[in-house]
Protein backbone atom coordinates (compact mmCIF):
# COMPACT_ATOMS: atom_id res chain seq x y z
CA MET A 1 101.42 189.90 79.44
CA THR A 2 104.02 187.03 78.44
CA ASP A 3 106.84 187.64 75.63
CA LEU A 4 104.78 184.12 74.40
CA ALA A 5 101.44 186.18 74.29
CA ALA A 6 103.01 189.27 72.67
CA ALA A 7 104.75 187.09 70.12
CA ALA A 8 101.31 185.26 69.08
CA ASN A 9 99.83 188.69 69.23
CA ASP A 10 102.03 189.96 66.71
CA ALA A 11 101.99 187.15 64.45
CA LEU A 12 98.33 187.52 64.29
CA ALA A 13 98.49 191.66 63.61
CA ALA A 14 101.00 191.07 60.56
CA ALA A 15 98.84 188.07 59.24
CA SER A 16 95.51 189.40 59.55
CA PRO A 17 94.79 193.01 61.15
CA ALA A 18 91.04 192.38 61.00
CA LEU A 19 91.57 189.06 63.22
CA TYR A 20 93.50 190.69 65.70
CA GLU A 21 91.10 193.52 66.09
CA LEU A 22 88.32 190.44 66.85
CA VAL A 23 90.26 188.86 69.34
CA SER A 24 88.85 189.22 72.61
CA PRO A 25 90.85 190.47 75.94
CA LEU A 26 91.11 186.60 76.87
CA GLY A 27 92.50 185.75 73.63
CA ARG A 28 95.11 188.41 73.73
CA ARG A 29 96.66 186.95 77.07
CA ALA A 30 96.02 183.18 75.36
CA TYR A 31 99.10 181.61 74.45
CA PHE A 32 100.56 177.59 75.03
CA PRO A 33 103.27 177.96 78.04
CA PRO A 34 106.12 175.97 77.87
CA ASP A 35 105.27 173.55 81.04
CA ILE A 36 104.74 170.01 81.47
CA PRO A 37 102.78 168.98 77.70
CA TYR A 38 105.31 171.28 75.78
CA GLN A 39 108.26 169.75 77.38
CA ALA A 40 107.23 166.28 77.14
CA ALA A 41 106.07 166.75 73.38
CA GLN A 42 110.12 167.58 72.90
CA ALA A 43 111.18 164.66 74.96
CA ARG A 44 108.98 162.15 72.59
CA GLY A 45 110.58 159.40 71.42
CA LYS A 46 113.87 159.63 73.76
CA THR A 47 115.02 156.37 75.30
CA TYR A 48 114.35 157.72 78.77
CA ASN A 49 111.30 159.74 79.01
CA ALA A 50 110.50 161.04 82.57
CA THR A 51 108.71 164.09 81.56
CA ILE A 52 104.82 163.15 81.47
CA GLY A 53 102.28 162.01 84.40
CA GLN A 54 100.84 158.66 82.92
CA ILE A 55 101.35 155.40 83.84
CA THR A 56 103.73 152.89 81.41
CA ASP A 57 105.58 149.92 81.41
CA GLY A 58 108.74 152.03 81.19
CA TYR A 59 108.90 151.69 77.60
CA GLY A 60 106.24 153.82 76.31
CA GLN A 61 103.32 151.13 76.46
CA ALA A 62 100.08 151.76 78.50
CA VAL A 63 99.48 149.63 81.77
CA PRO A 64 95.58 149.28 81.53
CA VAL A 65 93.44 147.78 83.93
CA ALA A 66 92.48 144.32 82.32
CA ALA A 67 88.50 145.41 82.19
CA LEU A 68 89.80 148.05 79.76
CA ALA A 69 92.35 146.36 77.71
CA ALA A 70 89.75 143.95 77.30
CA GLY A 71 86.83 146.46 76.06
CA LEU A 72 89.47 147.75 73.47
CA ALA A 73 90.49 144.39 72.04
CA ALA A 74 89.38 144.79 68.81
CA MET A 75 91.89 147.35 68.41
CA PRO A 76 95.48 146.82 66.85
CA ALA A 77 98.14 146.74 69.97
CA GLY A 78 99.35 149.85 68.61
CA ALA A 79 96.46 151.69 68.43
CA ARG A 80 95.09 150.57 71.54
CA ASN A 81 98.05 151.72 73.14
CA ARG A 82 97.45 155.31 72.02
CA ALA A 83 93.85 154.89 72.99
CA LEU A 84 94.95 154.38 76.48
CA LEU A 85 97.38 156.81 76.96
CA TYR A 86 97.31 160.82 76.68
CA SER A 87 96.55 162.48 73.70
CA PRO A 88 98.75 165.84 72.91
CA VAL A 89 96.94 168.91 73.59
CA GLU A 90 95.86 170.08 69.97
CA GLY A 91 94.97 166.46 69.32
CA ILE A 92 96.50 162.82 67.46
CA ALA A 93 98.37 164.25 64.94
CA GLU A 94 96.90 161.25 62.23
CA VAL A 95 93.67 162.27 63.48
CA ARG A 96 94.09 165.93 62.64
CA ARG A 97 95.48 165.00 59.08
CA ALA A 98 92.48 162.47 58.54
CA TRP A 99 89.93 164.94 59.49
CA ARG A 100 91.39 167.76 57.31
CA ALA A 101 91.51 165.35 54.05
CA TRP A 102 87.92 164.49 55.12
CA GLN A 103 86.53 168.01 55.38
CA ARG A 104 88.32 168.86 51.85
CA ARG A 105 87.35 166.08 50.00
CA GLU A 106 85.77 168.11 47.53
CA VAL A 107 87.30 171.66 48.07
CA PRO A 108 89.65 173.38 45.74
CA ASP A 109 93.50 173.03 46.41
CA ASP A 110 93.74 176.75 46.50
CA LEU A 111 91.34 177.35 49.76
CA PRO A 112 93.55 177.40 52.51
CA SER A 113 92.48 175.86 55.84
CA SER A 114 94.67 175.04 58.81
CA LEU A 115 95.42 171.56 60.45
CA PRO A 116 92.30 171.14 62.58
CA LEU A 117 92.73 171.02 66.54
CA VAL A 118 90.58 168.52 68.16
CA THR A 119 88.00 169.39 70.60
CA ALA A 120 86.21 167.53 73.33
CA GLY A 121 82.69 167.72 71.10
CA LEU A 122 81.69 170.87 69.17
CA THR A 123 80.15 172.31 72.14
CA HIS A 124 83.72 172.77 73.43
CA GLY A 125 85.14 173.84 70.01
CA LEU A 126 82.34 176.90 70.13
CA ALA A 127 83.27 177.66 73.84
CA LEU A 128 87.18 178.27 72.46
CA ALA A 129 85.86 180.26 69.66
CA ALA A 130 84.05 182.57 72.34
CA ASP A 131 87.01 182.52 74.51
CA LEU A 132 89.08 183.66 71.36
CA PHE A 133 86.62 186.27 70.30
CA ALA A 134 83.59 187.20 72.58
CA GLY A 135 84.55 189.64 75.01
CA GLU A 136 82.40 191.84 76.93
CA GLY A 137 79.70 193.29 74.74
CA ARG A 138 80.76 191.83 71.98
CA ALA A 139 77.87 191.69 69.15
CA VAL A 140 77.01 187.98 68.20
CA ALA A 141 74.56 187.97 65.33
CA VAL A 142 72.27 184.76 65.06
CA ALA A 143 69.24 183.64 63.06
CA ALA A 144 66.32 183.08 65.30
CA PRO A 145 64.97 180.69 66.63
CA PHE A 146 68.75 179.27 67.59
CA TRP A 147 70.32 176.78 69.55
CA GLY A 148 69.76 178.01 73.11
CA ASN A 149 73.02 177.26 74.34
CA TYR A 150 74.71 179.81 72.00
CA ARG A 151 73.40 182.12 74.66
CA GLN A 152 75.39 180.22 77.44
CA THR A 153 78.52 180.22 75.70
CA PHE A 154 78.84 183.64 74.13
CA ALA A 155 76.77 185.65 76.78
CA LEU A 156 76.87 183.86 80.12
CA ARG A 157 80.28 183.30 79.80
CA HIS A 158 81.84 186.20 78.34
CA GLY A 159 78.98 188.99 78.20
CA ALA A 160 78.56 189.21 74.42
CA ARG A 161 75.14 190.91 73.07
CA MET A 162 73.19 188.47 71.28
CA LEU A 163 71.41 189.70 68.56
CA ALA A 164 68.62 188.05 66.59
CA ALA A 165 66.99 188.45 63.27
CA PRO A 166 63.91 185.87 62.32
CA ALA A 167 65.21 183.14 60.19
CA TYR A 168 61.88 182.91 58.60
CA ARG A 169 59.50 185.06 57.02
CA ASP A 170 55.94 184.35 55.28
CA GLY A 171 57.05 180.36 55.31
CA ARG A 172 60.61 181.60 53.60
CA PHE A 173 64.22 181.30 54.97
CA ALA A 174 65.54 185.03 55.71
CA ALA A 175 68.99 184.79 53.75
CA ASN A 176 70.15 188.45 55.02
CA ALA A 177 69.09 187.69 58.92
CA TRP A 178 72.77 188.13 59.93
CA SER A 179 73.04 191.56 58.19
CA GLU A 180 69.82 192.64 59.70
CA ALA A 181 70.89 191.70 63.09
CA LEU A 182 73.88 193.56 63.01
CA ALA A 183 72.24 196.74 61.40
CA ASP A 184 72.36 198.70 64.46
CA VAL A 185 76.14 198.02 65.31
CA PRO A 186 78.24 201.37 64.59
CA VAL A 187 80.49 201.03 61.51
CA GLY A 188 83.60 199.75 62.43
CA GLU A 189 82.82 197.98 65.82
CA PRO A 190 84.11 194.08 65.21
CA ALA A 191 81.09 191.77 65.38
CA VAL A 192 80.46 187.70 65.49
CA ALA A 193 77.67 186.16 63.00
CA ILE A 194 77.17 182.35 63.93
CA LEU A 195 75.88 180.25 60.85
CA ASN A 196 74.74 177.06 61.80
CA LEU A 197 73.67 175.46 58.48
CA PRO A 198 71.83 172.99 58.65
CA SER A 199 70.37 174.45 61.39
CA ASN A 200 69.70 173.53 64.88
CA PRO A 201 66.47 173.98 65.63
CA GLY A 202 65.35 174.74 62.23
CA GLY A 203 66.77 171.53 60.04
CA TYR A 204 67.12 174.31 56.85
CA SER A 205 69.85 174.50 54.76
CA PRO A 206 69.71 177.84 52.23
CA THR A 207 69.90 176.63 48.66
CA VAL A 208 72.32 177.51 45.99
CA ARG A 209 70.36 180.94 45.49
CA GLU A 210 69.74 181.91 49.23
CA ARG A 211 73.45 181.06 50.05
CA GLU A 212 74.63 183.27 47.20
CA THR A 213 72.12 186.11 48.77
CA MET A 214 73.57 185.36 52.44
CA VAL A 215 77.38 185.48 51.11
CA ALA A 216 76.83 189.07 49.54
CA GLY A 217 75.20 190.18 52.58
CA LEU A 218 78.04 188.89 54.79
CA PHE A 219 80.26 190.89 52.25
CA THR A 220 78.85 193.82 52.46
CA GLU A 221 78.68 193.74 56.20
CA ALA A 222 82.55 192.90 56.12
CA ASP A 223 82.72 196.33 54.36
CA ARG A 224 81.42 197.94 57.44
CA ARG A 225 83.42 196.37 60.07
CA PRO A 226 85.84 193.36 61.19
CA LEU A 227 83.45 190.18 61.06
CA LEU A 228 84.30 186.85 62.52
CA VAL A 229 81.86 184.15 60.95
CA ILE A 230 81.97 181.33 63.30
CA CYS A 231 80.22 177.71 60.92
CA ASP A 232 78.56 175.66 63.48
CA ASP A 233 78.89 172.55 60.73
CA ALA A 234 77.53 170.10 63.10
CA TYR A 235 75.23 168.48 60.52
CA THR A 236 77.15 169.11 57.44
CA GLY A 237 76.41 166.69 54.54
CA LEU A 238 72.99 165.79 56.46
CA VAL A 239 71.07 167.22 53.38
CA PHE A 240 67.83 165.85 51.55
CA GLU A 241 67.11 167.93 48.59
CA ASP A 242 69.10 168.58 45.30
CA ASP A 243 69.12 172.13 45.47
CA VAL A 244 70.93 172.53 48.87
CA PRO A 245 74.31 172.20 49.15
CA ARG A 246 76.17 169.64 51.03
CA SER A 247 79.38 171.61 51.59
CA SER A 248 79.83 173.77 54.60
CA PRO A 249 79.60 177.67 53.77
CA PHE A 250 83.03 178.07 55.50
CA TRP A 251 84.54 177.38 52.11
CA ASP A 252 82.65 180.11 50.16
CA LEU A 253 84.09 182.58 52.73
CA VAL A 254 87.82 181.85 52.87
CA GLY A 255 89.46 184.44 51.40
CA LEU A 256 86.13 186.55 50.47
CA HIS A 257 87.00 189.85 52.07
CA PRO A 258 90.07 191.09 54.26
CA ASN A 259 87.79 192.17 57.10
CA LEU A 260 85.94 188.69 56.99
CA VAL A 261 87.26 185.70 59.36
CA PRO A 262 85.67 182.51 58.80
CA VAL A 263 85.80 179.74 61.62
CA LYS A 264 84.88 176.15 61.25
CA VAL A 265 83.48 174.39 64.29
CA ASP A 266 82.65 170.57 63.11
CA GLY A 267 83.15 167.09 64.24
CA ALA A 268 82.37 163.43 64.06
CA THR A 269 79.31 163.75 66.64
CA LYS A 270 76.63 164.08 63.99
CA GLU A 271 78.97 163.18 60.62
CA TYR A 272 79.88 159.72 61.81
CA SER A 273 77.12 159.37 64.20
CA PHE A 274 79.65 159.16 67.04
CA PHE A 275 77.42 160.87 69.42
CA GLY A 276 79.47 159.79 72.70
CA GLY A 277 82.72 160.37 71.30
CA ARG A 278 82.94 164.01 71.90
CA VAL A 279 85.34 164.47 68.89
CA GLY A 280 84.95 168.03 67.46
CA PHE A 281 87.57 170.02 65.48
CA LEU A 282 88.20 173.78 65.40
CA THR A 283 89.71 174.94 61.84
CA PHE A 284 91.06 178.56 60.70
CA ALA A 285 91.34 179.54 57.35
CA CYS A 286 95.16 179.46 56.75
CA GLU A 287 97.61 177.08 55.66
CA PRO A 288 99.04 174.69 58.23
CA GLY A 289 102.46 175.88 59.70
CA SER A 290 101.95 179.43 58.72
CA ASP A 291 102.69 181.98 61.34
CA LEU A 292 99.03 182.77 61.49
CA ALA A 293 98.29 179.19 62.08
CA THR A 294 101.14 178.72 64.62
CA ALA A 295 99.92 181.54 66.60
CA LEU A 296 95.92 180.99 66.81
CA GLU A 297 97.06 177.35 67.52
CA SER A 298 99.43 178.18 70.48
CA LYS A 299 96.17 180.45 71.88
CA VAL A 300 93.44 177.77 71.46
CA LYS A 301 96.21 175.23 73.38
CA GLY A 302 96.82 177.32 76.18
CA LEU A 303 92.97 177.62 76.40
CA LEU A 304 92.51 174.00 75.82
CA ARG A 305 95.26 173.11 78.20
CA ALA A 306 93.66 175.68 80.94
CA VAL A 307 89.93 173.80 81.30
CA MET A 308 90.69 170.10 80.02
CA GLY A 309 94.23 169.09 79.48
CA SER A 310 93.74 167.30 76.57
CA PRO A 311 91.11 165.89 74.46
CA ILE A 312 90.08 162.27 74.79
CA ALA A 313 92.45 159.83 73.41
CA THR A 314 90.26 156.66 72.93
CA SER A 315 87.73 158.44 71.04
CA GLN A 316 90.38 159.91 68.41
CA MET A 317 91.70 156.41 67.96
CA LEU A 318 88.14 155.00 67.31
CA LEU A 319 87.48 157.82 64.94
CA LEU A 320 90.94 157.04 63.14
CA ALA A 321 89.68 153.90 62.26
CA ALA A 322 86.42 154.98 60.95
CA LEU A 323 88.14 157.70 58.85
CA GLU A 324 90.56 155.18 57.34
CA ALA A 325 87.92 152.61 56.42
CA PRO A 326 87.91 151.86 52.84
CA ASP A 327 84.35 152.46 52.55
CA ALA A 328 84.14 155.30 54.72
CA GLU A 329 82.05 157.55 52.55
CA ALA A 330 79.51 154.87 51.93
CA GLN A 331 78.97 154.19 55.37
CA VAL A 332 78.35 157.77 56.51
CA GLU A 333 76.13 157.90 53.06
CA GLY A 334 74.25 155.13 54.72
CA VAL A 335 73.53 156.81 58.00
CA ARG A 336 72.39 159.91 55.97
CA LEU A 337 70.00 157.70 53.74
CA LEU A 338 68.21 156.45 56.80
CA LEU A 339 67.67 160.13 57.78
CA ALA A 340 66.55 160.90 54.49
CA GLU A 341 63.77 158.17 55.01
CA ARG A 342 62.44 159.63 57.94
CA TYR A 343 62.66 163.36 56.96
CA ARG A 344 60.45 162.40 53.58
CA ALA A 345 57.89 160.36 56.50
CA LEU A 346 57.98 163.93 58.19
CA GLN A 347 57.47 165.93 55.40
CA LEU A 348 54.13 163.77 53.91
CA ALA A 349 52.75 163.86 57.44
CA LEU A 350 52.90 167.47 58.09
CA SER A 351 51.66 168.16 54.48
CA LYS A 352 48.32 166.59 55.95
CA VAL A 353 48.06 168.63 59.20
CA ASP A 354 45.38 171.61 59.94
CA SER A 355 47.70 174.91 59.02
CA ARG A 356 45.01 176.39 61.83
CA ILE A 357 46.68 173.98 64.41
CA LEU A 358 50.40 173.63 63.25
CA GLN A 359 52.22 175.41 61.10
CA PRO A 360 55.10 173.88 59.60
CA GLN A 361 58.41 175.98 59.02
CA PRO A 362 60.58 175.25 55.62
CA PHE A 363 63.22 172.32 56.62
CA ASN A 364 65.35 170.20 54.16
CA SER A 365 68.42 169.02 56.11
CA GLY A 366 69.65 168.18 59.45
CA CYS A 367 67.98 166.41 62.25
CA PHE A 368 64.95 168.52 62.81
CA ALA A 369 61.93 170.37 61.83
CA LEU A 370 60.03 173.35 63.37
CA VAL A 371 56.44 173.55 63.82
CA GLU A 372 54.85 176.99 64.69
CA LEU A 373 51.61 177.34 66.62
CA PRO A 374 49.35 180.17 65.43
CA GLU A 375 49.00 182.93 67.71
CA ALA A 376 45.12 183.13 67.39
CA LEU A 377 45.19 179.95 69.26
CA GLY A 378 46.51 181.31 72.53
CA VAL A 379 48.44 178.46 73.61
CA THR A 380 52.25 178.42 74.32
CA ALA A 381 54.55 175.69 73.32
CA GLU A 382 55.74 174.76 76.60
CA GLU A 383 52.00 173.93 77.48
CA VAL A 384 51.68 171.75 74.56
CA ARG A 385 54.65 170.29 75.50
CA GLN A 386 53.72 169.40 78.93
CA HIS A 387 50.10 168.19 77.50
CA LEU A 388 52.05 165.60 74.80
CA LEU A 389 53.96 164.47 77.96
CA ASP A 390 51.07 163.91 80.33
CA HIS A 391 48.39 162.69 77.98
CA TYR A 392 50.08 161.34 74.80
CA ASP A 393 53.62 159.41 75.98
CA THR A 394 55.27 162.03 73.53
CA GLY A 395 58.27 164.30 73.94
CA VAL A 396 58.88 167.35 71.75
CA VAL A 397 61.15 170.32 72.63
CA ALA A 398 59.21 173.89 73.35
CA VAL A 399 61.38 176.57 71.37
CA GLY A 400 60.35 180.01 72.56
CA GLN A 401 56.50 180.84 72.78
CA ARG A 402 55.41 179.24 69.62
CA TYR A 403 57.65 176.63 68.15
CA LEU A 404 57.91 172.98 68.96
CA ARG A 405 60.95 171.24 67.66
CA VAL A 406 60.48 167.51 66.20
CA ALA A 407 64.08 165.71 66.54
CA PHE A 408 63.12 163.15 63.33
CA CYS A 409 66.41 161.79 63.60
CA SER A 410 65.00 159.93 66.75
CA VAL A 411 61.70 158.39 65.42
CA ALA A 412 61.72 155.48 63.30
CA ALA A 413 60.34 156.44 59.74
CA ALA A 414 56.85 154.18 60.44
CA ALA A 415 56.02 156.02 63.53
CA ILE A 416 55.97 159.59 62.45
CA PRO A 417 52.68 159.69 61.07
CA GLU A 418 51.79 158.35 64.65
CA LEU A 419 53.86 161.24 66.22
CA VAL A 420 52.43 164.08 64.04
CA GLY A 421 48.90 162.94 64.71
CA ARG A 422 49.48 163.16 68.48
CA MET A 423 50.83 166.36 68.24
CA GLU A 424 47.99 167.73 66.16
CA ARG A 425 45.56 166.32 68.51
CA GLY A 426 47.71 167.76 71.63
CA VAL A 427 47.48 171.54 70.16
CA ALA A 428 43.98 171.19 69.15
CA GLU A 429 43.04 169.74 72.68
CA ARG A 430 44.84 172.46 74.66
CA ALA A 431 43.38 174.89 72.16
CA ALA A 432 39.70 174.00 73.23
CA GLU A 433 40.54 174.21 76.85
CA ARG A 434 41.65 177.42 76.65
CA VAL A 435 38.45 178.56 74.95
CA ARG A 436 36.42 176.92 77.83
CA GLY A 437 38.66 178.66 80.20
CA GLY A 438 40.16 175.47 81.51
CA SER A 439 43.73 175.27 83.03
CA GLY A 440 44.01 171.52 81.71
């Protein structure tokens, strides 16, 4: 272990013993080395800067292929230049500050949060969190059904144990699913919980009362062990009911318990409808510039540098322009209202289905809804999915054996009744074929 890694580890242990216990073997080895990006940052602004391998005019300005420059012609010259050159490993400073301000629009001043580190989308942010905190055998609690890529990110890459408890029971949200998933993990053993709210695939966020129950359960769990809570905030703000908080649960968890360490993963993908931009952020519950923030940033930058060098500058500069727009919140609200219309249309259409064929699960936010196939039908979600593709020119996602996920974010409101009708007819046909003994 190098002195720099040891110094970062000592800072973590001093600032938060629970966080240090949660750090994985890879995380303990990680640090930001004083190689090219580090030295280039120190030389930034010097008259002669021969540190970094990017092609400039000799005075710090980019030398782009003409077609690329034309594609970015609407940008001011300074922003265009920065879009065409390397980003710092941690991300462009103005973007980090602007995103932190966006995150904290309605957050009390006394709740600390670090300057977010830029990642290549939210999945990359989750992967960095897994690198830091998900070693071999580490228990990772999720509410099921859950986004399948968690398994690849935590279990496949790091050998973590995915422990799941049902998110829905008797048509209601199970606010203590995470505590139930960890019930058999020995007291004192560090663990991770992933909160994805609004959820994928479920499209659900807890109500005010349900969130209070969920937070209380996590507090109790932190009495039993060091607990890292990753708030996967991909769909933050996309909420369509008045009794559902729009803010991330991250802010409810900051400073809640000395054994509870919240981490926030969010980004522009859904919040700014910038799917192709791949701009995500990783935020910790500490003040910018603190010893804890500096140590964590060193580790994340070391891990990020090892995989992709630095995040995409062009996407960051486009996002910065959007964040700095005077009507930024109104523009984001316009997207939310578009989704709210589709949500209402799906809610109405599903209220009319035959519950013997499709059983809608609770949904109130995000981009998705789940419908369950009654076990008595004897058909699987994959059979129905294939039938809809082959006979109804319709695509949905099969989740496990008995759930279909509907991405209403991708379907016009006027088309949603027909979509639901095709699903209902498709399930009924597959069930009838099963009764007749046919293979379809």
